[in-house]
PDB file of N, CA and C in Angstrom:
ATOM      1  N   UNK A   1     -17.921 -41.771 -31.576  1.00  0.00           N
ATOM      2  CA  UNK A   1     -16.652 -40.906 -31.732  1.00  0.00           C
ATOM      3  C   UNK A   1     -16.899 -39.691 -32.033  1.00  0.00           C
ATOM      4  N   UNK A   2     -18.174 -39.261 -32.537  1.00  0.00           N
ATOM      5  CA  UNK A   2     -18.331 -37.593 -32.537  1.00  0.00           C
ATOM      6  C   UNK A   2     -18.371 -37.238 -31.204  1.00  0.00           C
ATOM      7  N   UNK A   3     -19.149 -37.668 -30.243  1.00  0.00           N
ATOM      8  CA  UNK A   3     -19.249 -37.245 -28.996  1.00  0.00           C
ATOM      9  C   UNK A   3     -17.835 -36.914 -28.352  1.00  0.00           C
ATOM     10  N   UNK A   4     -17.067 -37.666 -28.627  1.00  0.00           N
ATOM     11  CA  UNK A   4     -15.606 -37.706 -27.871  1.00  0.00           C
ATOM     12  C   UNK A   4     -14.858 -36.617 -28.760  1.00  0.00           C
ATOM     13  N   UNK A   5     -15.113 -36.618 -30.115  1.00  0.00           N
ATOM     14  CA  UNK A   5     -14.336 -35.496 -30.374  1.00  0.00           C
ATOM     15  C   UNK A   5     -15.038 -34.174 -30.173  1.00  0.00           C
ATOM     16  N   UNK A   6     -16.644 -33.935 -30.047  1.00  0.00           N
ATOM     17  CA  UNK A   6     -17.016 -33.004 -29.434  1.00  0.00           C
ATOM     18  C   UNK A   6     -17.106 -32.286 -28.113  1.00  0.00           C
ATOM     19  N   UNK A   7     -16.593 -33.350 -26.973  1.00  0.00           N
ATOM     20  CA  UNK A   7     -15.884 -33.220 -25.853  1.00  0.00           C
ATOM     21  C   UNK A   7     -14.609 -32.477 -25.799  1.00  0.00           C
ATOM     22  N   UNK A   8     -13.703 -33.074 -26.484  1.00  0.00           N
ATOM     23  CA  UNK A   8     -12.283 -32.449 -26.719  1.00  0.00           C
ATOM     24  C   UNK A   8     -12.056 -31.282 -27.297  1.00  0.00           C
ATOM     25  N   UNK A   9     -13.083 -31.062 -28.274  1.00  0.00           N
ATOM     26  CA  UNK A   9     -13.321 -29.441 -28.831  1.00  0.00           C
ATOM     27  C   UNK A   9     -13.623 -28.466 -27.731  1.00  0.00           C
ATOM     28  N   UNK A  10     -14.548 -29.049 -27.110  1.00  0.00           N
ATOM     29  CA  UNK A  10     -15.083 -27.915 -26.333  1.00  0.00           C
ATOM     30  C   UNK A  10     -14.456 -27.514 -25.402  1.00  0.00           C
ATOM     31  N   UNK A  11     -13.505 -28.733 -24.856  1.00  0.00           N
ATOM     32  CA  UNK A  11     -12.885 -28.569 -23.721  1.00  0.00           C
ATOM     33  C   UNK A  11     -11.179 -27.643 -23.886  1.00  0.00           C
ATOM     34  N   UNK A  12     -11.236 -27.700 -25.515  1.00  0.00           N
ATOM     35  CA  UNK A  12      -9.853 -26.883 -25.850  1.00  0.00           C
ATOM     36  C   UNK A  12     -10.490 -25.387 -25.774  1.00  0.00           C
ATOM     37  N   UNK A  13     -11.643 -25.329 -26.484  1.00  0.00           N
ATOM     38  CA  UNK A  13     -11.979 -24.093 -26.529  1.00  0.00           C
ATOM     39  C   UNK A  13     -12.314 -23.338 -25.129  1.00  0.00           C
ATOM     40  N   UNK A  14     -12.758 -24.208 -24.318  1.00  0.00           N
ATOM     41  CA  UNK A  14     -13.200 -23.581 -22.670  1.00  0.00           C
ATOM     42  C   UNK A  14     -11.804 -23.231 -22.012  1.00  0.00           C
ATOM     43  N   UNK A  15     -10.898 -24.068 -22.292  1.00  0.00           N
ATOM     44  CA  UNK A  15      -9.454 -23.914 -21.093  1.00  0.00           C
ATOM     45  C   UNK A  15      -8.531 -23.406 -22.286  1.00  0.00           C
ATOM     46  N   UNK A  16      -8.462 -23.104 -23.561  1.00  0.00           N
ATOM     47  CA  UNK A  16      -7.753 -22.325 -24.038  1.00  0.00           C
ATOM     48  C   UNK A  16      -8.006 -20.917 -24.022  1.00  0.00           C
ATOM     49  N   UNK A  17      -9.042 -20.628 -23.894  1.00  0.00           N
ATOM     50  CA  UNK A  17      -9.713 -19.641 -24.025  1.00  0.00           C
ATOM     51  C   UNK A  17     -10.020 -18.636 -22.671  1.00  0.00           C
ATOM     52  N   UNK A  18      -9.558 -19.572 -21.409  1.00  0.00           N
ATOM     53  CA  UNK A  18      -9.476 -19.014 -20.119  1.00  0.00           C
ATOM     54  C   UNK A  18      -8.589 -17.709 -19.854  1.00  0.00           C
ATOM     55  N   UNK A  19      -9.298 -16.916 -19.293  1.00  0.00           N
ATOM     56  CA  UNK A  19      -8.656 -15.584 -18.830  1.00  0.00           C
ATOM     57  C   UNK A  19      -8.088 -15.897 -17.412  1.00  0.00           C
ATOM     58  N   UNK A  20      -6.661 -15.497 -17.269  1.00  0.00           N
ATOM     59  CA  UNK A  20      -6.204 -15.582 -16.209  1.00  0.00           C
ATOM     60  C   UNK A  20      -5.669 -14.160 -15.655  1.00  0.00           C
ATOM     61  N   UNK A  21      -6.582 -13.969 -14.381  1.00  0.00           N
ATOM     62  CA  UNK A  21      -6.315 -12.347 -13.840  1.00  0.00           C
ATOM     63  C   UNK A  21      -5.283 -12.447 -12.533  1.00  0.00           C
ATOM     64  N   UNK A  22      -4.141 -11.751 -12.793  1.00  0.00           N
ATOM     65  CA  UNK A  22      -3.373 -12.099 -11.553  1.00  0.00           C
ATOM     66  C   UNK A  22      -3.408 -10.618 -11.131  1.00  0.00           C
ATOM     67  N   UNK A  23      -3.109 -10.431  -9.553  1.00  0.00           N
ATOM     68  CA  UNK A  23      -3.166  -9.251  -9.043  1.00  0.00           C
ATOM     69  C   UNK A  23      -1.243  -8.623  -9.048  1.00  0.00           C
ATOM     70  N   UNK A  24      -1.515  -7.282  -8.796  1.00  0.00           N
ATOM     71  CA  UNK A  24      -0.035  -6.662  -9.240  1.00  0.00           C
ATOM     72  C   UNK A  24       0.228  -6.869  -7.616  1.00  0.00           C
ATOM     73  N   UNK A  25       1.721  -6.864  -7.417  1.00  0.00           N
ATOM     74  CA  UNK A  25       2.443  -6.878  -6.344  1.00  0.00           C
ATOM     75  C   UNK A  25       2.429  -5.822  -5.367  1.00  0.00           C
ATOM     76  N   UNK A  26       2.027  -6.126  -3.920  1.00  0.00           N
ATOM     77  CA  UNK A  26       1.644  -4.761  -2.933  1.00  0.00           C
ATOM     78  C   UNK A  26       3.020  -4.199  -3.064  1.00  0.00           C
ATOM     79  N   UNK A  27       2.878  -3.019  -2.660  1.00  0.00           N
ATOM     80  CA  UNK A  27       4.117  -1.957  -2.723  1.00  0.00           C
ATOM     81  C   UNK A  27       4.817  -1.691  -1.265  1.00  0.00           C
ATOM     82  N   UNK A  28       5.723  -1.297  -1.080  1.00  0.00           N
ATOM     83  CA  UNK A  28       6.409  -0.455   0.136  1.00  0.00           C
ATOM     84  C   UNK A  28       6.883   0.427  -0.059  1.00  0.00           C
ATOM     85  N   UNK A  29       6.710   1.879   0.926  1.00  0.00           N
ATOM     86  CA  UNK A  29       6.730   3.022   0.584  1.00  0.00           C
ATOM     87  C   UNK A  29       7.475   3.409   1.872  1.00  0.00           C
ATOM     88  N   UNK A  30       8.807   3.825   1.870  1.00  0.00           N
ATOM     89  CA  UNK A  30       9.249   4.146   3.273  1.00  0.00           C
ATOM     90  C   UNK A  30       9.455   5.675   3.030  1.00  0.00           C
ATOM     91  N   UNK A  31       8.956   6.273   4.416  1.00  0.00           N
ATOM     92  CA  UNK A  31       8.965   7.771   4.840  1.00  0.00           C
ATOM     93  C   UNK A  31      10.054   7.777   5.828  1.00  0.00           C
ATOM     94  N   UNK A  32      10.943   9.052   5.707  1.00  0.00           N
ATOM     95  CA  UNK A  32      11.601   9.771   6.622  1.00  0.00           C
ATOM     96  C   UNK A  32      11.095  10.426   7.565  1.00  0.00           C
ATOM     97  N   UNK A  33      10.684  10.186   8.984  1.00  0.00           N
ATOM     98  CA  UNK A  33       9.752  11.121   9.530  1.00  0.00           C
ATOM     99  C   UNK A  33      10.652  12.604  10.270  1.00  0.00           C
ATOM    100  N   UNK A  34      10.347  13.358  10.713  1.00  0.00           N
ATOM    101  CA  UNK A  34      10.690  14.301  11.128  1.00  0.00           C
ATOM    102  C   UNK A  34       9.835  15.436  12.122  1.00  0.00           C
ATOM    103  N   UNK A  35      10.191  16.491  12.570  1.00  0.00           N
ATOM    104  CA  UNK A  35       9.261  17.182  13.209  1.00  0.00           C
ATOM    105  C   UNK A  35       9.672  17.571  14.386  1.00  0.00           C
ATOM    106  N   UNK A  36       8.807  18.987  14.958  1.00  0.00           N
ATOM    107  CA  UNK A  36       9.076  18.980  16.543  1.00  0.00           C
ATOM    108  C   UNK A  36       7.894  17.736  17.125  1.00  0.00           C
ATOM    109  N   UNK A  37       8.947  17.158  18.127  1.00  0.00           N
ATOM    110  CA  UNK A  37       8.095  16.140  19.138  1.00  0.00           C
ATOM    111  C   UNK A  37       7.374  15.193  18.185  1.00  0.00           C
ATOM    112  N   UNK A  38       7.551  14.944  17.065  1.00  0.00           N
ATOM    113  CA  UNK A  38       6.801  13.937  16.330  1.00  0.00           C
ATOM    114  C   UNK A  38       6.881  12.365  16.775  1.00  0.00           C
ATOM    115  N   UNK A  39       7.939  12.005  17.214  1.00  0.00           N
ATOM    116  CA  UNK A  39       8.195  10.635  17.858  1.00  0.00           C
ATOM    117  C   UNK A  39       7.442  10.677  18.904  1.00  0.00           C
ATOM    118  N   UNK A  40       6.776  11.389  19.356  1.00  0.00           N
ATOM    119  CA  UNK A  40       5.846  11.165  20.815  1.00  0.00           C
ATOM    120  C   UNK A  40       4.324  11.073  20.103  1.00  0.00           C
ATOM    121  N   UNK A  41       4.281  11.177  18.786  1.00  0.00           N
ATOM    122  CA  UNK A  41       2.882  11.161  18.119  1.00  0.00           C
ATOM    123  C   UNK A  41       2.633   9.871  17.353  1.00  0.00           C
ATOM    124  N   UNK A  42       3.366   8.931  17.406  1.00  0.00           N
ATOM    125  CA  UNK A  42       3.431   7.654  16.409  1.00  0.00           C
ATOM    126  C   UNK A  42       2.151   7.222  16.506  1.00  0.00           C
ATOM    127  N   UNK A  43       1.040   7.101  16.999  1.00  0.00           N
ATOM    128  CA  UNK A  43      -0.021   6.558  17.253  1.00  0.00           C
ATOM    129  C   UNK A  43      -0.816   7.519  15.934  1.00  0.00           C
ATOM    130  N   UNK A  44      -0.685   9.057  16.255  1.00  0.00           N
ATOM    131  CA  UNK A  44      -1.202   9.749  15.193  1.00  0.00           C
ATOM    132  C   UNK A  44      -0.632   9.478  13.847  1.00  0.00           C
ATOM    133  N   UNK A  45       0.596   9.439  13.990  1.00  0.00           N
ATOM    134  CA  UNK A  45       0.994   9.032  12.589  1.00  0.00           C
ATOM    135  C   UNK A  45       0.712   7.673  11.771  1.00  0.00           C
ATOM    136  N   UNK A  46       0.310   6.613  12.767  1.00  0.00           N
ATOM    137  CA  UNK A  46      -0.102   5.777  12.238  1.00  0.00           C
ATOM    138  C   UNK A  46      -1.465   5.620  11.830  1.00  0.00           C
ATOM    139  N   UNK A  47      -2.196   6.261  12.284  1.00  0.00           N
ATOM    140  CA  UNK A  47      -3.781   6.542  12.310  1.00  0.00           C
ATOM    141  C   UNK A  47      -3.877   7.295  10.975  1.00  0.00           C
ATOM    142  N   UNK A  48      -3.335   8.242  11.012  1.00  0.00           N
ATOM    143  CA  UNK A  48      -3.404   9.102   9.579  1.00  0.00           C
ATOM    144  C   UNK A  48      -3.018   8.322   8.491  1.00  0.00           C
ATOM    145  N   UNK A  49      -1.764   7.772   8.474  1.00  0.00           N
ATOM    146  CA  UNK A  49      -1.539   6.680   6.986  1.00  0.00           C
ATOM    147  C   UNK A  49      -2.496   5.694   7.268  1.00  0.00           C
ATOM    148  N   UNK A  50      -3.331   5.284   8.080  1.00  0.00           N
ATOM    149  CA  UNK A  50      -3.903   4.120   7.717  1.00  0.00           C
ATOM    150  C   UNK A  50      -5.471   4.614   6.816  1.00  0.00           C
ATOM    151  N   UNK A  51      -5.472   6.088   6.910  1.00  0.00           N
ATOM    152  CA  UNK A  51      -6.872   6.409   6.647  1.00  0.00           C
ATOM    153  C   UNK A  51      -6.654   6.795   5.058  1.00  0.00           C
ATOM    154  N   UNK A  52      -5.169   6.817   4.512  1.00  0.00           N
ATOM    155  CA  UNK A  52      -4.899   6.870   2.872  1.00  0.00           C
ATOM    156  C   UNK A  52      -5.464   5.631   2.428  1.00  0.00           C
ATOM    157  N   UNK A  53      -6.427   5.786   1.274  1.00  0.00           N
ATOM    158  CA  UNK A  53      -7.209   4.616   0.736  1.00  0.00           C
ATOM    159  C   UNK A  53      -5.889   3.799  -0.023  1.00  0.00           C
ATOM    160  N   UNK A  54      -6.123   2.756   0.084  1.00  0.00           N
ATOM    161  CA  UNK A  54      -4.961   1.715  -0.742  1.00  0.00           C
ATOM    162  C   UNK A  54      -3.815   1.202   0.607  1.00  0.00           C
ATOM    163  N   UNK A  55      -3.584   1.976   1.916  1.00  0.00           N
ATOM    164  CA  UNK A  55      -2.805   1.205   2.675  1.00  0.00           C
ATOM    165  C   UNK A  55      -3.130  -0.044   3.370  1.00  0.00           C
ATOM    166  N   UNK A  56      -2.362  -1.120   3.535  1.00  0.00           N
ATOM    167  CA  UNK A  56      -2.626  -2.027   4.058  1.00  0.00           C
ATOM    168  C   UNK A  56      -1.960  -2.206   5.629  1.00  0.00           C
ATOM    169  N   UNK A  57      -0.730  -1.722   5.805  1.00  0.00           N
ATOM    170  CA  UNK A  57      -0.192  -1.943   6.900  1.00  0.00           C
ATOM    171  C   UNK A  57       1.025  -0.994   7.080  1.00  0.00           C
ATOM    172  N   UNK A  58       1.246  -0.558   8.550  1.00  0.00           N
ATOM    173  CA  UNK A  58       1.997   0.925   8.507  1.00  0.00           C
ATOM    174  C   UNK A  58       2.789   0.151   9.822  1.00  0.00           C
ATOM    175  N   UNK A  59       4.335   0.274   9.419  1.00  0.00           N
ATOM    176  CA  UNK A  59       5.373  -0.248  10.338  1.00  0.00           C
ATOM    177  C   UNK A  59       6.223   1.246  10.665  1.00  0.00           C
ATOM    178  N   UNK A  60       5.986   0.986  12.167  1.00  0.00           N
ATOM    179  CA  UNK A  60       7.006   2.336  12.695  1.00  0.00           C
ATOM    180  C   UNK A  60       7.779   1.948  13.653  1.00  0.00           C
ATOM    181  N   UNK A  61       8.069   0.355  13.610  1.00  0.00           N
ATOM    182  CA  UNK A  61       9.110   0.147  14.818  1.00  0.00           C
ATOM    183  C   UNK A  61      10.337  -0.633  14.062  1.00  0.00           C
ATOM    184  N   UNK A  62      10.290  -1.263  13.121  1.00  0.00           N
ATOM    185  CA  UNK A  62      11.389  -1.618  12.396  1.00  0.00           C
ATOM    186  C   UNK A  62      12.461  -0.541  12.039  1.00  0.00           C
ATOM    187  N   UNK A  63      12.271   0.458  11.619  1.00  0.00           N
ATOM    188  CA  UNK A  63      13.424   1.593  11.298  1.00  0.00           C
ATOM    189  C   UNK A  63      12.758   2.702  11.863  1.00  0.00           C
ATOM    190  N   UNK A  64      13.527   2.799  13.516  1.00  0.00           N
ATOM    191  CA  UNK A  64      13.600   4.327  13.989  1.00  0.00           C
ATOM    192  C   UNK A  64      13.561   5.436  13.512  1.00  0.00           C
ATOM    193  N   UNK A  65      12.651   6.242  13.470  1.00  0.00           N
ATOM    194  CA  UNK A  65      12.597   7.747  12.807  1.00  0.00           C
ATOM    195  C   UNK A  65      11.676   7.587  11.396  1.00  0.00           C
ATOM    196  N   UNK A  66      11.311   6.373  10.961  1.00  0.00           N
ATOM    197  CA  UNK A  66      10.973   6.214   9.644  1.00  0.00           C
ATOM    198  C   UNK A  66       9.666   5.472   9.580  1.00  0.00           C
ATOM    199  N   UNK A  67       8.804   5.428   8.874  1.00  0.00           N
ATOM    200  CA  UNK A  67       7.656   4.585   8.849  1.00  0.00           C
ATOM    201  C   UNK A  67       7.603   3.678   7.377  1.00  0.00           C
ATOM    202  N   UNK A  68       7.181   2.904   7.434  1.00  0.00           N
ATOM    203  CA  UNK A  68       7.449   1.707   6.196  1.00  0.00           C
ATOM    204  C   UNK A  68       5.767   1.365   6.022  1.00  0.00           C
ATOM    205  N   UNK A  69       5.316   1.760   4.714  1.00  0.00           N
ATOM    206  CA  UNK A  69       4.107   1.769   4.822  1.00  0.00           C
ATOM    207  C   UNK A  69       3.904   0.596   3.518  1.00  0.00           C
ATOM    208  N   UNK A  70       2.949  -0.389   3.554  1.00  0.00           N
ATOM    209  CA  UNK A  70       2.467  -1.241   2.785  1.00  0.00           C
ATOM    210  C   UNK A  70       1.126  -1.108   1.996  1.00  0.00           C
ATOM    211  N   UNK A  71       1.406  -0.830   0.723  1.00  0.00           N
ATOM    212  CA  UNK A  71      -0.144  -0.332  -0.131  1.00  0.00           C
ATOM    213  C   UNK A  71      -0.257  -1.185  -1.193  1.00  0.00           C
ATOM    214  N   UNK A  72      -1.605  -1.187  -1.487  1.00  0.00           N
ATOM    215  CA  UNK A  72      -1.626  -1.896  -2.650  1.00  0.00           C
ATOM    216  C   UNK A  72      -1.529  -1.489  -3.951  1.00  0.00           C
ATOM    217  N   UNK A  73      -0.734  -2.009  -4.913  1.00  0.00           N
ATOM    218  CA  UNK A  73      -0.316  -1.633  -6.016  1.00  0.00           C
ATOM    219  C   UNK A  73      -1.149  -0.957  -6.880  1.00  0.00           C
ATOM    220  N   UNK A  74      -0.713   0.606  -7.054  1.00  0.00           N
ATOM    221  CA  UNK A  74      -1.498   1.467  -7.674  1.00  0.00           C
ATOM    222  C   UNK A  74      -2.916   2.212  -7.156  1.00  0.00           C
ATOM    223  N   UNK A  75      -2.872   2.101  -6.120  1.00  0.00           N
ATOM    224  CA  UNK A  75      -3.861   2.384  -4.869  1.00  0.00           C
ATOM    225  C   UNK A  75      -3.386   3.536  -4.434  1.00  0.00           C
ATOM    226  N   UNK A  76      -2.320   3.931  -3.525  1.00  0.00           N
ATOM    227  CA  UNK A  76      -2.149   4.705  -2.746  1.00  0.00           C
ATOM    228  C   UNK A  76      -0.638   5.686  -3.350  1.00  0.00           C
ATOM    229  N   UNK A  77      -0.751   6.720  -3.538  1.00  0.00           N
ATOM    230  CA  UNK A  77       0.620   7.623  -4.420  1.00  0.00           C
ATOM    231  C   UNK A  77       1.272   8.008  -2.936  1.00  0.00           C
ATOM    232  N   UNK A  78       2.628   7.872  -3.172  1.00  0.00           N
ATOM    233  CA  UNK A  78       3.664   8.125  -2.191  1.00  0.00           C
ATOM    234  C   UNK A  78       3.277   9.659  -1.667  1.00  0.00           C
ATOM    235  N   UNK A  79       2.819  10.464  -2.460  1.00  0.00           N
ATOM    236  CA  UNK A  79       2.823  12.314  -2.102  1.00  0.00           C
ATOM    237  C   UNK A  79       1.309  12.213  -1.107  1.00  0.00           C
ATOM    238  N   UNK A  80       0.592  11.317  -1.270  1.00  0.00           N
ATOM    239  CA  UNK A  80      -0.701  11.223  -0.593  1.00  0.00           C
ATOM    240  C   UNK A  80      -0.088  10.591   0.951  1.00  0.00           C
ATOM    241  N   UNK A  81       0.853  10.001   1.074  1.00  0.00           N
ATOM    242  CA  UNK A  81       1.357   9.366   2.210  1.00  0.00           C
ATOM    243  C   UNK A  81       1.781  10.606   2.817  1.00  0.00           C
ATOM    244  N   UNK A  82       2.735  11.648   2.223  1.00  0.00           N
ATOM    245  CA  UNK A  82       3.438  12.445   2.506  1.00  0.00           C
ATOM    246  C   UNK A  82       2.334  13.567   3.296  1.00  0.00           C
ATOM    247  N   UNK A  83       1.539  13.592   2.327  1.00  0.00           N
ATOM    248  CA  UNK A  83       0.278  14.773   2.895  1.00  0.00           C
ATOM    249  C   UNK A  83      -0.101  14.070   4.288  1.00  0.00           C
ATOM    250  N   UNK A  84      -0.452  13.050   4.427  1.00  0.00           N
ATOM    251  CA  UNK A  84      -1.013  12.438   5.675  1.00  0.00           C
ATOM    252  C   UNK A  84      -0.351  12.661   6.659  1.00  0.00           C
ATOM    253  N   UNK A  85       1.133  12.469   6.863  1.00  0.00           N
ATOM    254  CA  UNK A  85       2.114  12.644   7.752  1.00  0.00           C
ATOM    255  C   UNK A  85       1.956  14.304   8.004  1.00  0.00           C
ATOM    256  N   UNK A  86       2.287  14.942   7.162  1.00  0.00           N
ATOM    257  CA  UNK A  86       2.280  16.490   7.480  1.00  0.00           C
ATOM    258  C   UNK A  86       1.160  16.865   7.853  1.00  0.00           C
ATOM    259  N   UNK A  87       0.059  16.374   7.834  1.00  0.00           N
ATOM    260  CA  UNK A  87      -1.043  16.901   8.339  1.00  0.00           C
ATOM    261  C   UNK A  87      -1.349  16.456   9.995  1.00  0.00           C
ATOM    262  N   UNK A  88       0.078  15.847  10.523  1.00  0.00           N
ATOM    263  CA  UNK A  88      -0.172  15.251  11.714  1.00  0.00           C
ATOM    264  C   UNK A  88       0.565  16.282  12.517  1.00  0.00           C
ATOM    265  N   UNK A  89      -0.177  17.160  13.307  1.00  0.00           N
ATOM    266  CA  UNK A  89       0.139  18.155  14.307  1.00  0.00           C
ATOM    267  C   UNK A  89      -0.586  18.842  15.424  1.00  0.00           C
ATOM    268  N   UNK A  90      -0.164  19.553  16.388  1.00  0.00           N
ATOM    269  CA  UNK A  90      -0.904  20.162  17.240  1.00  0.00           C
ATOM    270  C   UNK A  90      -0.411  21.221  17.865  1.00  0.00           C
ATOM    271  N   UNK A  91      -0.583  21.818  18.948  1.00  0.00           N
ATOM    272  CA  UNK A  91      -0.538  22.848  19.867  1.00  0.00           C
ATOM    273  C   UNK A  91       1.104  22.868  20.246  1.00  0.00           C
ATOM    274  N   UNK A  92       2.207  23.202  19.438  1.00  0.00           N
ATOM    275  CA  UNK A  92       3.266  23.136  19.883  1.00  0.00           C
ATOM    276  C   UNK A  92       4.191  21.758  19.674  1.00  0.00           C
ATOM    277  N   UNK A  93       3.939  21.254  18.382  1.00  0.00           N
ATOM    278  CA  UNK A  93       4.581  20.228  17.955  1.00  0.00           C
ATOM    279  C   UNK A  93       3.657  19.795  16.189  1.00  0.00           C
ATOM    280  N   UNK A  94       4.625  19.058  15.550  1.00  0.00           N
ATOM    281  CA  UNK A  94       4.166  18.681  14.128  1.00  0.00           C
ATOM    282  C   UNK A  94       4.885  17.466  13.678  1.00  0.00           C
ATOM    283  N   UNK A  95       4.379  17.026  12.664  1.00  0.00           N
ATOM    284  CA  UNK A  95       5.323  15.858  11.950  1.00  0.00           C
ATOM    285  C   UNK A  95       5.611  16.087  10.487  1.00  0.00           C
ATOM    286  N   UNK A  96       6.710  15.524  10.271  1.00  0.00           N
ATOM    287  CA  UNK A  96       7.082  15.720   8.779  1.00  0.00           C
ATOM    288  C   UNK A  96       7.269  14.103   8.048  1.00  0.00           C
ATOM    289  N   UNK A  97       6.759  13.952   6.858  1.00  0.00           N
ATOM    290  CA  UNK A  97       7.263  13.058   6.057  1.00  0.00           C
ATOM    291  C   UNK A  97       7.827  13.117   4.772  1.00  0.00           C
ATOM    292  N   UNK A  98       9.032  12.444   4.423  1.00  0.00           N
ATOM    293  CA  UNK A  98       9.359  12.366   3.255  1.00  0.00           C
ATOM    294  C   UNK A  98       9.609  11.143   2.722  1.00  0.00           C
ATOM    295  N   UNK A  99       9.153  10.780   1.548  1.00  0.00           N
ATOM    296  CA  UNK A  99       9.476   9.634   0.693  1.00  0.00           C
ATOM    297  C   UNK A  99      10.963   9.351   0.544  1.00  0.00           C
ATOM    298  N   UNK A 100      11.163   8.297   0.982  1.00  0.00           N
ATOM    299  CA  UNK A 100      12.994   7.898   0.372  1.00  0.00           C
ATOM    300  C   UNK A 100      12.642   7.315  -0.793  1.00  0.00           C
ATOM    301  N   UNK A 101      13.576   7.667  -1.570  1.00  0.00           N
ATOM    302  CA  UNK A 101      13.753   6.906  -2.916  1.00  0.00           C
ATOM    303  C   UNK A 101      14.575   6.019  -3.116  1.00  0.00           C
TER     304      UNK A 101
END
């Protein structure tokens, strides 16, 4: 009987104090794209956005003229995404990105 009570109490302590870790949900950020001839350089925009820490996926097809960026919660700041797009430029062309609220 003592052994059974010991097992029950031990199980209650072990499972009753278990810590549950949950991950925050991923976030989606939509950027409106612009700039001279930027639409011709979508691969460069995608590459630049994927270099931002925390970016998981970049969708440039579902919304023409926009980038829908999936990020890990709290890892990629919207302004970092804008900076990445604004850095995509070359001789006679450039891209701009503005986070849509």
